[in-house]
Amino acid sequence: VEFFPGSGRSLVRIYIDGVDGVDVEDCAKVSRHLGVALEVEDIIPGAYTLEVSSPGLTRTFFSPGQLGAYLGRTIELTLAAPREGRKRFCGTLSRVKGDALVVEVEGASQSFAWDQIGKAKLVHEFSRQTQLDGQGAKGAKPRTGGSK
């Protein structure tokens, strides 16, 4: 859940997920039910926009507990304050231990306390074949079919 208060209109953003993922119908259903509940309870003052969506391919993590399923995957961390002169670190998530993450960054294990992290997100890595198909790269086989 993200809330961005505004002078004219606030934004309430809700991310939903499921074992088999989510689709547009899931988002619409949650939006309808949640919209009614928010109106009845009147907990958000003034006008607001409600957004319901899936976390997407580059999902943002809001707690360390969400990261356990992503061991071995690439994540990007943006720290609240610089460490070693930089705020952004990208590497392979190797361990989640309580409120700390261990990430392999440039060949070295680094530990990050969750309270040092301003933002953590998954980095989606497309397969080589997907890149070839999607970019029409040199050497990719032309697609056949269809008529002109």
N, C-alpha and C. Protein backbone atom coordinates (compact mmCIF):
# COMPACT_ATOMS: atom_id res chain seq x y z
N VAL A 1 0.85 -1.18 0.00
CA VAL A 1 0.00 0.00 0.00
C VAL A 1 0.89 1.24 0.00
N GLU A 2 0.58 2.17 -0.88
CA GLU A 2 1.28 3.45 -0.91
C GLU A 2 0.22 4.55 -0.85
N PHE A 3 0.52 5.60 -0.10
CA PHE A 3 -0.40 6.74 0.00
C PHE A 3 0.39 8.01 -0.25
N PHE A 4 -0.09 8.79 -1.20
CA PHE A 4 0.54 10.06 -1.55
C PHE A 4 -0.48 11.17 -1.38
N PRO A 5 -0.43 11.90 -0.25
CA PRO A 5 -1.38 12.99 -0.06
C PRO A 5 -1.12 14.11 -1.06
N GLY A 6 -2.17 14.73 -1.49
CA GLY A 6 -2.03 15.84 -2.44
C GLY A 6 -2.88 17.01 -2.01
N SER A 7 -2.56 18.19 -2.52
CA SER A 7 -3.33 19.38 -2.16
C SER A 7 -4.72 19.34 -2.77
N GLY A 8 -4.84 18.79 -3.98
CA GLY A 8 -6.15 18.70 -4.61
C GLY A 8 -6.72 17.30 -4.57
N ARG A 9 -5.89 16.33 -4.83
CA ARG A 9 -6.34 14.94 -4.91
C ARG A 9 -5.21 14.03 -4.42
N SER A 10 -5.51 13.14 -3.51
CA SER A 10 -4.53 12.19 -3.00
C SER A 10 -4.53 10.93 -3.87
N LEU A 11 -3.47 10.14 -3.73
CA LEU A 11 -3.36 8.88 -4.47
C LEU A 11 -3.19 7.74 -3.49
N VAL A 12 -4.03 6.72 -3.62
CA VAL A 12 -3.93 5.49 -2.84
C VAL A 12 -3.59 4.39 -3.84
N ARG A 13 -2.41 3.78 -3.68
CA ARG A 13 -1.98 2.73 -4.60
C ARG A 13 -1.87 1.42 -3.83
N ILE A 14 -2.57 0.41 -4.33
CA ILE A 14 -2.60 -0.91 -3.71
C ILE A 14 -2.01 -1.92 -4.69
N TYR A 15 -1.09 -2.74 -4.22
CA TYR A 15 -0.54 -3.82 -5.04
C TYR A 15 -1.11 -5.14 -4.54
N ILE A 16 -1.59 -5.97 -5.46
CA ILE A 16 -2.09 -7.29 -5.08
C ILE A 16 -1.28 -8.35 -5.82
N ASP A 17 -1.19 -9.51 -5.20
CA ASP A 17 -0.44 -10.60 -5.81
C ASP A 17 -1.08 -11.90 -5.39
N GLY A 18 -0.81 -12.95 -6.10
CA GLY A 18 -1.34 -14.26 -5.78
C GLY A 18 -0.37 -15.33 -6.24
N VAL A 19 -0.60 -16.55 -5.80
CA VAL A 19 0.27 -17.66 -6.16
C VAL A 19 0.37 -17.81 -7.67
N ASP A 20 -0.75 -17.65 -8.36
CA ASP A 20 -0.78 -17.76 -9.82
C ASP A 20 -0.73 -16.40 -10.49
N GLY A 21 -0.30 -15.37 -9.77
CA GLY A 21 -0.28 -14.02 -10.32
C GLY A 21 -1.66 -13.39 -10.26
N VAL A 22 -1.81 -12.25 -10.88
CA VAL A 22 -3.10 -11.56 -10.93
C VAL A 22 -3.35 -11.08 -12.35
N ASP A 23 -4.61 -10.89 -12.67
CA ASP A 23 -4.95 -10.35 -13.98
C ASP A 23 -5.82 -9.11 -13.81
N VAL A 24 -6.24 -8.55 -14.91
CA VAL A 24 -7.01 -7.31 -14.89
C VAL A 24 -8.32 -7.49 -14.12
N GLU A 25 -8.96 -8.64 -14.28
CA GLU A 25 -10.22 -8.89 -13.56
C GLU A 25 -10.01 -8.90 -12.05
N ASP A 26 -8.89 -9.48 -11.59
CA ASP A 26 -8.58 -9.48 -10.16
C ASP A 26 -8.43 -8.05 -9.64
N CYS A 27 -7.70 -7.24 -10.39
CA CYS A 27 -7.50 -5.84 -10.00
C CYS A 27 -8.82 -5.08 -9.96
N ALA A 28 -9.66 -5.30 -10.97
CA ALA A 28 -10.95 -4.61 -11.03
C ALA A 28 -11.84 -5.01 -9.86
N LYS A 29 -11.86 -6.30 -9.53
CA LYS A 29 -12.68 -6.78 -8.42
C LYS A 29 -12.23 -6.15 -7.10
N VAL A 30 -10.93 -6.16 -6.83
CA VAL A 30 -10.41 -5.57 -5.60
C VAL A 30 -10.70 -4.07 -5.58
N SER A 31 -10.54 -3.41 -6.71
CA SER A 31 -10.80 -1.97 -6.79
C SER A 31 -12.25 -1.65 -6.45
N ARG A 32 -13.18 -2.41 -7.01
CA ARG A 32 -14.61 -2.18 -6.72
C ARG A 32 -14.90 -2.36 -5.24
N HIS A 33 -14.47 -3.49 -4.67
CA HIS A 33 -14.75 -3.77 -3.26
C HIS A 33 -14.07 -2.77 -2.32
N LEU A 34 -12.82 -2.49 -2.60
CA LEU A 34 -12.07 -1.56 -1.75
C LEU A 34 -12.61 -0.14 -1.88
N GLY A 35 -12.98 0.25 -3.10
CA GLY A 35 -13.55 1.57 -3.32
C GLY A 35 -14.81 1.80 -2.50
N VAL A 36 -15.68 0.79 -2.48
CA VAL A 36 -16.91 0.88 -1.68
C VAL A 36 -16.57 0.98 -0.20
N ALA A 37 -15.66 0.14 0.27
CA ALA A 37 -15.28 0.15 1.69
C ALA A 37 -14.67 1.50 2.09
N LEU A 38 -13.82 2.06 1.24
CA LEU A 38 -13.21 3.36 1.56
C LEU A 38 -14.25 4.47 1.61
N GLU A 39 -15.24 4.40 0.74
CA GLU A 39 -16.30 5.42 0.74
C GLU A 39 -17.17 5.29 1.99
N VAL A 40 -17.53 4.07 2.35
CA VAL A 40 -18.38 3.84 3.52
C VAL A 40 -17.67 4.27 4.80
N GLU A 41 -16.42 3.89 4.94
CA GLU A 41 -15.66 4.21 6.15
C GLU A 41 -15.16 5.65 6.17
N ASP A 42 -15.05 6.27 5.01
CA ASP A 42 -14.62 7.67 4.87
C ASP A 42 -13.32 7.95 5.64
N ILE A 43 -12.31 7.10 5.40
CA ILE A 43 -11.05 7.25 6.14
C ILE A 43 -10.03 8.14 5.43
N ILE A 44 -10.29 8.46 4.17
CA ILE A 44 -9.37 9.33 3.42
C ILE A 44 -10.06 10.67 3.20
N PRO A 45 -9.53 11.73 3.81
CA PRO A 45 -10.18 13.03 3.67
C PRO A 45 -10.03 13.59 2.26
N GLY A 46 -11.08 14.19 1.75
CA GLY A 46 -11.02 14.85 0.45
C GLY A 46 -11.06 13.88 -0.71
N ALA A 47 -10.76 14.41 -1.89
CA ALA A 47 -10.78 13.61 -3.11
C ALA A 47 -9.52 12.75 -3.21
N TYR A 48 -9.66 11.57 -3.80
CA TYR A 48 -8.50 10.70 -3.98
C TYR A 48 -8.70 9.82 -5.20
N THR A 49 -7.60 9.30 -5.70
CA THR A 49 -7.62 8.33 -6.79
C THR A 49 -7.15 7.00 -6.21
N LEU A 50 -7.89 5.93 -6.49
CA LEU A 50 -7.52 4.60 -6.04
C LEU A 50 -6.95 3.82 -7.22
N GLU A 51 -5.72 3.33 -7.07
CA GLU A 51 -5.09 2.49 -8.10
C GLU A 51 -4.84 1.11 -7.51
N VAL A 52 -5.28 0.08 -8.23
CA VAL A 52 -5.03 -1.30 -7.82
C VAL A 52 -4.29 -1.98 -8.97
N SER A 53 -3.14 -2.57 -8.68
CA SER A 53 -2.38 -3.22 -9.75
C SER A 53 -1.54 -4.37 -9.20
N SER A 54 -0.97 -5.14 -10.12
CA SER A 54 -0.02 -6.19 -9.73
C SER A 54 1.32 -5.51 -9.48
N PRO A 55 2.23 -6.18 -8.78
CA PRO A 55 3.54 -5.58 -8.55
C PRO A 55 4.37 -5.43 -9.82
N GLY A 56 4.05 -6.18 -10.86
CA GLY A 56 4.78 -6.07 -12.12
C GLY A 56 6.09 -6.84 -12.11
N LEU A 57 6.79 -6.80 -13.23
CA LEU A 57 8.06 -7.53 -13.37
C LEU A 57 9.16 -6.98 -12.48
N THR A 58 9.14 -5.67 -12.25
CA THR A 58 10.16 -5.04 -11.41
C THR A 58 9.54 -4.61 -10.09
N ARG A 59 8.93 -5.57 -9.44
CA ARG A 59 8.19 -5.29 -8.20
C ARG A 59 9.05 -4.61 -7.15
N THR A 60 8.42 -3.71 -6.43
CA THR A 60 9.05 -3.05 -5.29
C THR A 60 8.71 -3.84 -4.04
N PHE A 61 9.68 -4.03 -3.17
CA PHE A 61 9.47 -4.76 -1.93
C PHE A 61 9.29 -3.77 -0.78
N PHE A 62 8.32 -4.06 0.09
CA PHE A 62 8.01 -3.16 1.19
C PHE A 62 8.45 -3.70 2.54
N SER A 63 8.85 -4.97 2.59
CA SER A 63 9.36 -5.55 3.83
C SER A 63 10.31 -6.69 3.48
N PRO A 64 11.26 -7.01 4.37
CA PRO A 64 12.20 -8.08 4.06
C PRO A 64 11.52 -9.44 3.91
N GLY A 65 10.38 -9.63 4.56
CA GLY A 65 9.66 -10.89 4.47
C GLY A 65 9.19 -11.22 3.06
N GLN A 66 9.06 -10.22 2.21
CA GLN A 66 8.63 -10.45 0.83
C GLN A 66 9.74 -11.02 -0.04
N LEU A 67 10.97 -10.93 0.40
CA LEU A 67 12.11 -11.27 -0.45
C LEU A 67 12.52 -12.74 -0.44
N GLY A 68 12.05 -13.52 0.51
CA GLY A 68 12.46 -14.91 0.61
C GLY A 68 12.24 -15.72 -0.65
N ALA A 69 11.19 -15.45 -1.37
CA ALA A 69 10.87 -16.19 -2.60
C ALA A 69 11.77 -15.79 -3.76
N TYR A 70 12.62 -14.79 -3.57
CA TYR A 70 13.43 -14.26 -4.67
C TYR A 70 14.93 -14.49 -4.47
N LEU A 71 15.28 -15.46 -3.63
CA LEU A 71 16.70 -15.80 -3.46
C LEU A 71 17.27 -16.25 -4.80
N GLY A 72 18.47 -15.78 -5.11
CA GLY A 72 19.10 -16.12 -6.38
C GLY A 72 18.72 -15.19 -7.51
N ARG A 73 17.82 -14.25 -7.25
CA ARG A 73 17.40 -13.30 -8.28
C ARG A 73 18.14 -11.98 -8.09
N THR A 74 18.15 -11.17 -9.13
CA THR A 74 18.82 -9.88 -9.09
C THR A 74 17.89 -8.83 -8.50
N ILE A 75 18.40 -8.08 -7.53
CA ILE A 75 17.64 -6.98 -6.95
C ILE A 75 18.46 -5.70 -7.00
N GLU A 76 17.77 -4.58 -6.96
CA GLU A 76 18.43 -3.28 -6.91
C GLU A 76 18.00 -2.60 -5.62
N LEU A 77 18.98 -2.13 -4.87
CA LEU A 77 18.73 -1.42 -3.63
C LEU A 77 19.15 0.02 -3.77
N THR A 78 18.31 0.92 -3.29
CA THR A 78 18.66 2.33 -3.19
C THR A 78 18.67 2.65 -1.70
N LEU A 79 19.81 3.01 -1.19
CA LEU A 79 19.95 3.26 0.24
C LEU A 79 19.46 4.65 0.60
N ALA A 80 19.04 4.80 1.85
CA ALA A 80 18.59 6.10 2.34
C ALA A 80 19.77 7.06 2.47
N ALA A 81 20.95 6.53 2.81
CA ALA A 81 22.17 7.34 2.93
C ALA A 81 23.30 6.60 2.20
N PRO A 82 24.24 7.32 1.63
CA PRO A 82 25.32 6.67 0.88
C PRO A 82 26.18 5.74 1.74
N ARG A 83 26.65 4.68 1.10
CA ARG A 83 27.63 3.76 1.69
C ARG A 83 28.76 3.65 0.68
N GLU A 84 29.96 3.84 1.14
CA GLU A 84 31.13 3.78 0.25
C GLU A 84 30.96 4.74 -0.94
N GLY A 85 30.33 5.88 -0.68
CA GLY A 85 30.17 6.91 -1.70
C GLY A 85 29.07 6.67 -2.71
N ARG A 86 28.24 5.66 -2.47
CA ARG A 86 27.15 5.41 -3.42
C ARG A 86 25.88 4.98 -2.69
N LYS A 87 24.76 5.20 -3.34
CA LYS A 87 23.47 4.84 -2.76
C LYS A 87 22.83 3.64 -3.46
N ARG A 88 23.24 3.35 -4.67
CA ARG A 88 22.59 2.30 -5.46
C ARG A 88 23.48 1.07 -5.57
N PHE A 89 22.90 -0.08 -5.25
CA PHE A 89 23.61 -1.36 -5.34
C PHE A 89 22.72 -2.35 -6.07
N CYS A 90 23.32 -3.12 -6.96
CA CYS A 90 22.58 -4.12 -7.72
C CYS A 90 23.35 -5.43 -7.64
N GLY A 91 22.65 -6.51 -7.33
CA GLY A 91 23.32 -7.80 -7.23
C GLY A 91 22.34 -8.92 -6.98
N THR A 92 22.89 -10.10 -6.72
CA THR A 92 22.09 -11.30 -6.51
C THR A 92 21.76 -11.45 -5.03
N LEU A 93 20.48 -11.60 -4.74
CA LEU A 93 20.03 -11.79 -3.36
C LEU A 93 20.42 -13.20 -2.92
N SER A 94 21.27 -13.30 -1.90
CA SER A 94 21.72 -14.62 -1.46
C SER A 94 21.11 -15.07 -0.14
N ARG A 95 20.66 -14.12 0.69
CA ARG A 95 20.09 -14.51 1.98
C ARG A 95 19.25 -13.38 2.56
N VAL A 96 18.19 -13.78 3.25
CA VAL A 96 17.39 -12.85 4.04
C VAL A 96 17.44 -13.39 5.46
N LYS A 97 17.97 -12.57 6.37
CA LYS A 97 18.12 -13.01 7.76
C LYS A 97 17.52 -11.93 8.65
N GLY A 98 16.31 -12.18 9.14
CA GLY A 98 15.61 -11.18 9.94
C GLY A 98 15.36 -9.93 9.12
N ASP A 99 15.86 -8.81 9.58
CA ASP A 99 15.70 -7.54 8.87
C ASP A 99 16.93 -7.18 8.05
N ALA A 100 17.74 -8.17 7.70
CA ALA A 100 18.95 -7.90 6.91
C ALA A 100 18.94 -8.73 5.62
N LEU A 101 19.46 -8.13 4.57
CA LEU A 101 19.60 -8.81 3.28
C LEU A 101 21.08 -8.98 3.00
N VAL A 102 21.44 -10.12 2.43
CA VAL A 102 22.81 -10.33 1.96
C VAL A 102 22.73 -10.41 0.45
N VAL A 103 23.49 -9.54 -0.21
CA VAL A 103 23.46 -9.42 -1.66
C VAL A 103 24.88 -9.55 -2.19
N GLU A 104 25.04 -10.36 -3.24
CA GLU A 104 26.33 -10.49 -3.91
C GLU A 104 26.45 -9.33 -4.89
N VAL A 105 27.29 -8.37 -4.57
CA VAL A 105 27.47 -7.17 -5.40
C VAL A 105 28.90 -7.16 -5.93
N GLU A 106 29.04 -7.21 -7.22
CA GLU A 106 30.36 -7.15 -7.87
C GLU A 106 31.34 -8.15 -7.25
N GLY A 107 30.86 -9.37 -7.02
CA GLY A 107 31.72 -10.44 -6.52
C GLY A 107 31.93 -10.49 -5.03
N ALA A 108 31.33 -9.59 -4.27
CA ALA A 108 31.50 -9.57 -2.82
C ALA A 108 30.14 -9.59 -2.12
N SER A 109 30.05 -10.35 -1.01
CA SER A 109 28.83 -10.37 -0.21
C SER A 109 28.73 -9.09 0.60
N GLN A 110 27.58 -8.45 0.53
CA GLN A 110 27.35 -7.26 1.33
C GLN A 110 26.04 -7.42 2.08
N SER A 111 26.03 -7.01 3.32
CA SER A 111 24.84 -7.08 4.15
C SER A 111 24.22 -5.70 4.27
N PHE A 112 22.91 -5.64 4.15
CA PHE A 112 22.18 -4.38 4.23
C PHE A 112 21.05 -4.53 5.25
N ALA A 113 21.03 -3.68 6.26
CA ALA A 113 19.92 -3.66 7.21
C ALA A 113 18.72 -3.02 6.52
N TRP A 114 17.53 -3.57 6.76
CA TRP A 114 16.34 -3.07 6.08
C TRP A 114 16.12 -1.58 6.34
N ASP A 115 16.43 -1.11 7.55
CA ASP A 115 16.21 0.31 7.85
C ASP A 115 17.19 1.24 7.13
N GLN A 116 18.22 0.69 6.48
CA GLN A 116 19.14 1.49 5.66
C GLN A 116 18.65 1.63 4.22
N ILE A 117 17.68 0.81 3.86
CA ILE A 117 17.23 0.73 2.47
C ILE A 117 16.05 1.67 2.24
N GLY A 118 16.20 2.57 1.27
CA GLY A 118 15.11 3.46 0.91
C GLY A 118 14.14 2.79 -0.04
N LYS A 119 14.68 1.95 -0.95
CA LYS A 119 13.85 1.25 -1.93
C LYS A 119 14.56 -0.03 -2.35
N ALA A 120 13.79 -1.10 -2.46
CA ALA A 120 14.31 -2.38 -2.94
C ALA A 120 13.38 -2.88 -4.03
N LYS A 121 13.95 -3.25 -5.18
CA LYS A 121 13.09 -3.74 -6.25
C LYS A 121 13.76 -4.88 -7.00
N LEU A 122 12.93 -5.71 -7.59
CA LEU A 122 13.39 -6.84 -8.39
C LEU A 122 13.84 -6.32 -9.75
N VAL A 123 14.92 -6.88 -10.25
CA VAL A 123 15.38 -6.55 -11.60
C VAL A 123 15.02 -7.75 -12.47
N HIS A 124 14.11 -7.55 -13.41
CA HIS A 124 13.71 -8.65 -14.28
C HIS A 124 14.76 -8.84 -15.36
N GLU A 125 15.18 -10.07 -15.53
CA GLU A 125 16.18 -10.37 -16.55
C GLU A 125 15.53 -11.20 -17.64
N PHE A 126 15.44 -10.63 -18.83
CA PHE A 126 14.86 -11.34 -19.95
C PHE A 126 15.83 -12.39 -20.45
N SER A 127 15.29 -13.50 -20.95
CA SER A 127 16.16 -14.54 -21.50
C SER A 127 16.77 -14.05 -22.81
N ARG A 128 17.84 -14.67 -23.23
CA ARG A 128 18.51 -14.28 -24.48
C ARG A 128 17.56 -14.41 -25.66
N GLN A 129 16.75 -15.47 -25.73
CA GLN A 129 15.83 -15.66 -26.84
C GLN A 129 14.77 -14.56 -26.86
N THR A 130 14.27 -14.18 -25.69
CA THR A 130 13.29 -13.10 -25.62
C THR A 130 13.89 -11.81 -26.16
N GLN A 131 15.15 -11.55 -25.82
CA GLN A 131 15.80 -10.35 -26.31
C GLN A 131 15.93 -10.39 -27.82
N LEU A 132 16.30 -11.53 -28.36
CA LEU A 132 16.43 -11.65 -29.81
C LEU A 132 15.09 -11.46 -30.50
N ASP A 133 14.06 -12.11 -29.99
CA ASP A 133 12.73 -12.00 -30.60
C ASP A 133 12.18 -10.58 -30.49
N GLY A 134 12.35 -9.96 -29.33
CA GLY A 134 11.77 -8.65 -29.09
C GLY A 134 12.49 -7.51 -29.76
N GLN A 135 13.78 -7.64 -30.03
CA GLN A 135 14.54 -6.53 -30.57
C GLN A 135 14.89 -6.71 -32.04
N GLY A 136 14.51 -7.85 -32.62
CA GLY A 136 14.86 -8.07 -34.02
C GLY A 136 16.36 -8.03 -34.21
N ALA A 137 17.09 -8.60 -33.28
CA ALA A 137 18.55 -8.52 -33.30
C ALA A 137 19.13 -9.22 -34.51
N LYS A 138 20.30 -8.78 -34.89
CA LYS A 138 21.02 -9.38 -36.01
C LYS A 138 21.18 -10.87 -35.74
N GLY A 139 20.82 -11.67 -36.72
CA GLY A 139 20.95 -13.11 -36.57
C GLY A 139 19.67 -13.77 -36.10
N ALA A 140 18.67 -13.00 -35.69
CA ALA A 140 17.41 -13.59 -35.28
C ALA A 140 16.66 -14.07 -36.51
N LYS A 141 15.96 -15.19 -36.36
CA LYS A 141 15.22 -15.73 -37.49
C LYS A 141 14.01 -14.85 -37.76
N PRO A 142 13.73 -14.57 -39.04
CA PRO A 142 12.55 -13.76 -39.34
C PRO A 142 11.29 -14.54 -39.04
N ARG A 143 10.25 -13.83 -38.65
CA ARG A 143 8.98 -14.46 -38.36
C ARG A 143 8.23 -14.65 -39.67
N THR A 144 7.52 -15.75 -39.75
CA THR A 144 6.75 -16.02 -40.96
C THR A 144 5.27 -16.04 -40.63
N GLY A 145 4.45 -15.99 -41.67
CA GLY A 145 3.01 -16.05 -41.47
C GLY A 145 2.40 -14.69 -41.68
N GLY A 146 1.08 -14.69 -41.74
CA GLY A 146 0.37 -13.44 -41.95
C GLY A 146 0.37 -13.07 -43.41
N SER A 147 -0.49 -12.17 -43.79
CA SER A 147 -0.54 -11.73 -45.18
C SER A 147 -0.49 -10.23 -45.25
N LYS A 148 -0.07 -9.73 -46.41
CA LYS A 148 0.05 -8.29 -46.59
C LYS A 148 -0.95 -7.80 -47.58
